Protein backbone atom coordinates (compact mmCIF):
# COMPACT_ATOMS: atom_id res chain seq x y z
CA MET A 1 32.36 -36.54 26.12
CA LYS A 2 31.11 -39.35 23.90
CA ALA A 3 32.82 -42.75 23.90
CA ILE A 4 34.17 -43.79 20.50
CA TRP A 5 35.13 -47.38 21.43
CA ASN A 6 33.72 -49.81 23.93
CA GLY A 7 35.69 -52.93 24.79
CA ALA A 8 38.45 -54.20 27.04
CA ILE A 9 42.20 -54.13 27.59
CA GLY A 10 43.78 -57.59 27.66
CA PHE A 11 46.49 -57.55 30.36
CA GLY A 12 47.79 -61.13 30.54
CA LEU A 13 44.74 -63.12 31.66
CA VAL A 14 43.16 -60.00 33.13
CA ASN A 15 40.49 -58.18 31.13
CA ILE A 16 39.83 -54.52 31.94
CA PRO A 17 36.52 -53.28 30.46
CA VAL A 18 37.05 -49.71 29.25
CA LYS A 19 35.61 -46.96 27.11
CA ILE A 20 37.77 -44.77 24.86
CA TYR A 21 37.24 -41.01 24.61
CA SER A 22 39.07 -38.54 22.40
CA ALA A 23 41.52 -36.59 24.57
CA THR A 24 41.83 -33.57 22.28
CA GLU A 25 39.70 -30.89 20.69
CA THR A 26 40.54 -28.26 18.12
CA THR A 27 40.90 -24.56 18.94
CA LYS A 28 40.90 -23.63 15.27
CA LEU A 29 38.21 -21.13 14.27
CA ASP A 30 35.27 -22.66 12.42
CA LEU A 31 35.38 -20.68 9.17
CA ASP A 32 32.70 -21.21 6.51
CA MET A 33 33.44 -21.26 2.79
CA LEU A 34 31.57 -18.55 0.86
CA ASP A 35 30.97 -17.62 -2.74
CA LYS A 36 33.18 -14.59 -3.44
CA SER A 37 30.48 -12.92 -5.56
CA ASP A 38 27.74 -12.65 -2.91
CA PHE A 39 29.11 -14.37 0.22
CA SER A 40 26.55 -17.18 -0.01
CA ASN A 41 27.44 -20.28 2.00
CA ILE A 42 29.02 -23.13 0.04
CA LYS A 43 27.22 -26.43 0.72
CA PHE A 44 28.65 -29.89 0.15
CA LYS A 45 26.23 -32.63 -0.75
CA ARG A 46 26.57 -36.41 -1.03
CA VAL A 47 25.21 -36.95 -4.51
CA ASN A 48 24.36 -40.16 -6.35
CA GLU A 49 26.62 -40.21 -9.43
CA SER A 50 23.91 -41.79 -11.59
CA THR A 51 20.81 -39.84 -10.56
CA GLY A 52 22.39 -36.59 -9.37
CA LYS A 53 20.15 -36.71 -6.30
CA GLU A 54 21.36 -36.12 -2.73
CA VAL A 55 21.75 -39.24 -0.56
CA LYS A 56 21.03 -39.26 3.17
CA TRP A 57 23.68 -40.57 5.59
CA GLU A 58 21.50 -43.49 6.66
CA ASN A 59 21.36 -44.70 3.04
CA ILE A 60 25.12 -44.67 2.50
CA VAL A 61 27.12 -47.92 2.65
CA LYS A 62 30.81 -48.64 2.03
CA GLY A 63 32.17 -50.92 -0.66
CA TYR A 64 35.40 -52.06 -2.31
CA LEU A 65 35.75 -51.93 -6.11
CA MET A 66 36.90 -55.31 -7.42
CA ASP A 67 36.80 -56.35 -11.07
CA ASP A 68 34.54 -53.38 -11.92
CA LYS A 69 32.05 -54.43 -9.25
CA TYR A 70 31.51 -53.05 -5.75
CA ILE A 71 31.66 -55.50 -2.85
CA VAL A 72 29.54 -53.89 -0.12
CA LEU A 73 30.59 -54.33 3.53
CA ASP A 74 28.38 -54.19 6.62
CA GLU A 75 29.09 -54.13 10.37
CA GLU A 76 29.18 -57.95 10.61
CA ASP A 77 31.90 -58.08 7.94
CA TYR A 78 34.15 -55.73 9.90
CA GLU A 79 33.79 -57.83 13.03
CA ALA A 80 34.29 -61.09 11.12
CA ALA A 81 37.67 -59.86 9.81
CA SER A 82 39.10 -59.81 13.34
CA PRO A 83 36.37 -60.28 15.96
CA GLU A 84 38.72 -60.22 18.94
CA LYS A 85 40.35 -56.91 17.94
CA THR A 86 37.02 -55.10 17.60
CA LYS A 87 36.39 -55.54 21.32
CA ILE A 88 39.78 -56.23 22.92
CA LEU A 89 43.07 -54.34 22.89
CA SER A 90 45.42 -57.12 23.96
CA ILE A 91 48.76 -55.86 25.27
CA ASP A 92 51.43 -57.83 23.40
CA GLN A 93 54.52 -56.28 24.98
CA PHE A 94 55.74 -53.65 27.40
CA VAL A 95 58.37 -51.11 26.37
CA LYS A 96 60.08 -48.00 27.65
CA GLU A 97 58.08 -45.04 26.35
CA ALA A 98 61.31 -43.30 25.34
CA GLU A 99 61.98 -46.16 22.88
CA VAL A 100 58.98 -45.13 20.76
CA ASP A 101 60.02 -42.33 18.41
CA SER A 102 57.60 -39.39 18.29
CA VAL A 103 57.23 -39.79 14.51
CA TYR A 104 54.97 -42.78 15.26
CA PHE A 105 52.57 -40.87 17.53
CA GLU A 106 49.06 -40.03 16.34
CA ASN A 107 46.05 -39.18 18.50
CA PRO A 108 45.71 -39.51 22.29
CA TYR A 109 42.60 -40.99 23.91
CA TYR A 110 41.43 -41.22 27.52
CA LEU A 111 40.62 -44.65 28.95
CA GLU A 112 37.73 -44.90 31.41
CA PRO A 113 37.11 -48.10 33.38
CA GLN A 114 33.67 -49.63 33.12
CA LYS A 115 31.73 -51.30 35.91
CA ASN A 116 33.70 -54.06 37.67
CA GLY A 117 36.89 -52.99 35.92
CA GLU A 118 37.98 -50.31 38.39
CA ASN A 119 40.35 -52.49 40.46
CA ALA A 120 42.13 -53.95 37.42
CA TYR A 121 42.36 -50.46 35.89
CA ARG A 122 44.04 -49.06 39.01
CA LEU A 123 46.36 -52.08 39.16
CA LEU A 124 47.60 -51.58 35.59
CA LEU A 125 47.95 -47.82 36.12
CA LYS A 126 50.03 -48.28 39.28
CA ALA A 127 52.18 -51.04 37.73
CA LEU A 128 53.00 -48.90 34.69
CA GLN A 129 53.84 -45.95 36.92
CA GLU A 130 56.23 -48.00 39.05
CA THR A 131 57.97 -49.70 36.11
CA GLU A 132 57.92 -46.58 33.90
CA MET A 133 56.77 -48.78 31.06
CA ALA A 134 54.02 -48.59 28.42
CA GLY A 135 51.89 -51.38 26.97
CA ILE A 136 51.70 -51.95 23.20
CA GLY A 137 48.92 -53.80 21.39
CA THR A 138 46.62 -53.65 18.36
CA PHE A 139 42.88 -53.11 18.08
CA VAL A 140 40.25 -52.11 15.52
CA LEU A 141 38.96 -48.54 15.66
CA ARG A 142 36.54 -47.13 13.09
CA ASP A 143 36.91 -49.94 10.57
CA SER A 144 40.72 -50.01 10.57
CA GLU A 145 43.42 -51.68 12.64
CA ALA A 146 45.53 -49.47 14.87
CA ILE A 147 48.50 -49.81 17.18
CA GLY A 148 47.82 -48.54 20.67
CA MET A 149 50.27 -47.56 23.40
CA ILE A 150 48.77 -47.51 26.90
CA ARG A 151 50.61 -45.36 29.43
CA PRO A 152 49.98 -43.40 32.61
CA TYR A 153 48.93 -39.77 32.27
CA LYS A 154 48.63 -38.01 35.61
CA ASP A 155 46.15 -40.20 37.49
CA ILE A 156 44.53 -42.03 34.55
CA LEU A 157 45.47 -44.34 31.68
CA VAL A 158 45.79 -42.80 28.24
CA LEU A 159 45.91 -44.59 24.90
CA ASN A 160 48.12 -43.15 22.17
CA ARG A 161 47.32 -44.36 18.68
CA LEU A 162 50.56 -45.11 16.82
CA ARG A 163 51.36 -45.21 13.12
CA PHE A 164 52.44 -48.47 11.53
CA ASP A 165 56.05 -48.54 10.38
CA GLN A 166 54.87 -48.97 6.77
CA GLU A 167 53.08 -45.60 7.03
CA ILE A 168 56.31 -43.67 7.64
CA ARG A 169 57.56 -42.33 4.33
CA ASP A 170 61.16 -42.83 3.22
CA TYR A 171 63.15 -39.61 3.43
CA LYS A 172 65.94 -40.66 1.06
CA ASP A 173 64.56 -38.48 -1.75
CA LEU A 174 65.11 -35.35 0.33
CA LYS A 175 68.08 -33.18 -0.50
CA ILE A 176 69.99 -33.60 2.75
CA PRO A 177 73.54 -32.16 2.71
CA ALA A 178 76.41 -34.62 2.79
CA ALA A 179 77.71 -35.51 6.23
CA LYS A 180 80.21 -32.90 7.30
CA ALA A 181 81.29 -32.29 10.87
CA PRO A 182 80.57 -28.77 12.15
CA LYS A 183 83.41 -26.61 13.35
CA PRO A 184 84.28 -27.37 17.01
CA ALA A 185 83.82 -23.75 18.10
CA GLU A 186 80.38 -23.57 16.45
CA LEU A 187 79.32 -26.87 18.01
CA LYS A 188 80.48 -25.74 21.47
CA MET A 189 78.50 -22.51 21.17
CA ALA A 190 75.40 -24.32 19.87
CA VAL A 191 75.55 -26.69 22.85
CA SER A 192 75.87 -23.69 25.17
CA LEU A 193 72.78 -22.11 23.58
CA ILE A 194 70.79 -25.33 24.04
CA LYS A 195 71.81 -25.55 27.69
CA GLN A 196 70.99 -21.89 28.23
CA LEU A 197 67.48 -22.37 26.83
CA SER A 198 66.90 -25.68 28.65
CA GLN A 199 64.05 -25.88 31.16
CA ASP A 200 61.33 -28.27 32.27
CA PHE A 201 58.60 -28.70 29.67
CA ASP A 202 55.43 -26.84 30.60
CA PRO A 203 52.67 -27.33 28.00
CA ALA A 204 50.59 -24.60 29.66
CA MET A 205 53.03 -21.93 28.45
CA TYR A 206 52.04 -22.60 24.82
CA LYS A 207 48.70 -21.19 23.69
CA ASP A 208 46.90 -21.03 20.35
CA THR A 209 47.24 -17.25 20.11
CA TYR A 210 46.75 -17.17 16.33
CA SER A 211 43.04 -18.00 16.64
CA ASP A 212 42.65 -15.29 19.30
CA GLU A 213 44.35 -12.69 17.10
CA LEU A 214 42.26 -13.75 14.12
CA MET A 215 39.09 -13.32 16.20
CA LYS A 216 40.18 -9.79 17.12
CA ILE A 217 40.45 -8.99 13.41
CA ILE A 218 37.01 -10.50 12.79
CA ARG A 219 35.48 -8.30 15.51
CA LYS A 220 37.19 -5.18 14.12
CA LYS A 221 35.95 -5.90 10.60
CA ALA A 222 32.45 -6.49 11.99
CA LYS A 223 32.57 -2.91 13.33
CA GLY A 224 33.76 -1.59 9.98
CA LYS A 225 37.29 -0.84 11.15
CA SER A 226 40.23 -1.08 8.74
CA ILE A 227 42.97 -3.60 9.44
CA LYS A 228 46.61 -2.58 9.34
CA THR A 229 48.89 -5.48 8.60
CA LYS A 230 52.59 -5.99 9.05
CA LYS A 231 53.80 -8.59 6.60
CA ALA A 232 56.53 -10.95 7.70
CA GLU A 233 59.70 -10.77 5.68
CA PRO A 234 60.12 -13.76 3.36
CA ALA A 235 62.93 -16.17 4.15
CA LYS A 236 66.08 -15.32 2.25
CA GLU A 237 67.56 -18.23 0.32
CA GLY A 238 71.03 -18.79 -0.94
CA LYS A 239 72.70 -16.35 1.41
CA VAL A 240 75.81 -17.59 3.22
CA ILE A 241 75.37 -16.90 6.92
CA ASP A 242 77.97 -16.39 9.61
CA LEU A 243 77.02 -19.11 12.09
CA MET A 244 79.39 -17.90 14.81
CA ALA A 245 77.96 -14.38 14.66
CA GLN A 246 74.37 -15.69 14.85
CA LEU A 247 75.18 -18.02 17.73
CA LYS A 248 76.87 -15.22 19.70
CA ALA A 249 73.87 -12.95 19.10
CA SER A 250 71.52 -15.75 20.18
CA LEU A 251 73.39 -16.25 23.44
CA GLN A 252 73.13 -12.52 24.17
CA SER A 253 69.42 -12.23 23.33
CA PRO A 254 66.99 -11.35 26.16
CA LYS A 255 65.05 -14.57 25.55
CA SER A 256 68.14 -16.71 26.12
CA LYS A 257 69.12 -14.79 29.23
CA SER A 258 65.64 -15.03 30.75
CA ALA A 259 65.50 -18.79 30.09
CA SER A 260 68.75 -19.36 31.91
C-alpha cells in the first residue's frame, strides 16, 4: 500500500507521527469504453484549449478563475493557507461513535505509526477502546480540508473521513407523505419481522457477486456462447398493497425462519 498522507495526530500535547493509507479497494470490473462501430478503445486526452495539443501531467497546474484571469496555485500556497492542518490532525473533541450519523461518513483510512510514535499510538488506541469514544478533528488531504474521526478498528486505529454539515443536501423538496401513524396491528407485525430477522452484523456474509456473475458472462461470450437472460420485473407503481398480507407472508418466508 502507498501512503497518501504523512503527518501526525495531535492528542492533547502528545503528537503521534502517522501515515495514512486507503483502507478500501474496488471490486468493480475494469471495463474499457469502445467505439461501437469497430470496438476501438476510446482515449481521453488532456488537451490545451488554445493549441489543441495534448498536455503532459507534469505540465499541468491548478488555478482559480477570478475577474477573467486565472490565479495559479502551487504546493507552497496550499500549505500557507493552513500550514498546521497539512501536517497535523489535531483532535478537537471526543464523542460517542453512535452520535455520528452514517450520512456523514465518507472513506475509511488505516493509520500506521511512524518511528518513535508506536507507544503513543498504542496508548490512544487502548484509551479509545476502553472509553468507547472516537476523536474528531480536521486536516488537509489532497488540497482540501476534511473532518476526520479516529476510532479503534480491531487492533489498529482507523480514520474515517466525514462530510461537512454544509455538504448534506436538504431533503425538504422530496415528496414525503404526511405524517400518519401506521395501524397498530401492522406496526406490531413489522416489529416482529424486524426481530425475527435480527442477528449480529457479519460483513463477510456480503460479497460483490454481481462482478463475478458479469465475469462469467464475459467468459461465455469469449467462447462464442449465447447468453440467456431473465429480466427482472419492473416495479409496479400506483398499486394499493395489502400491508398485513405482505407482512404475514414475510414472517412465513424461509429467509425469515432461517434468520430466527
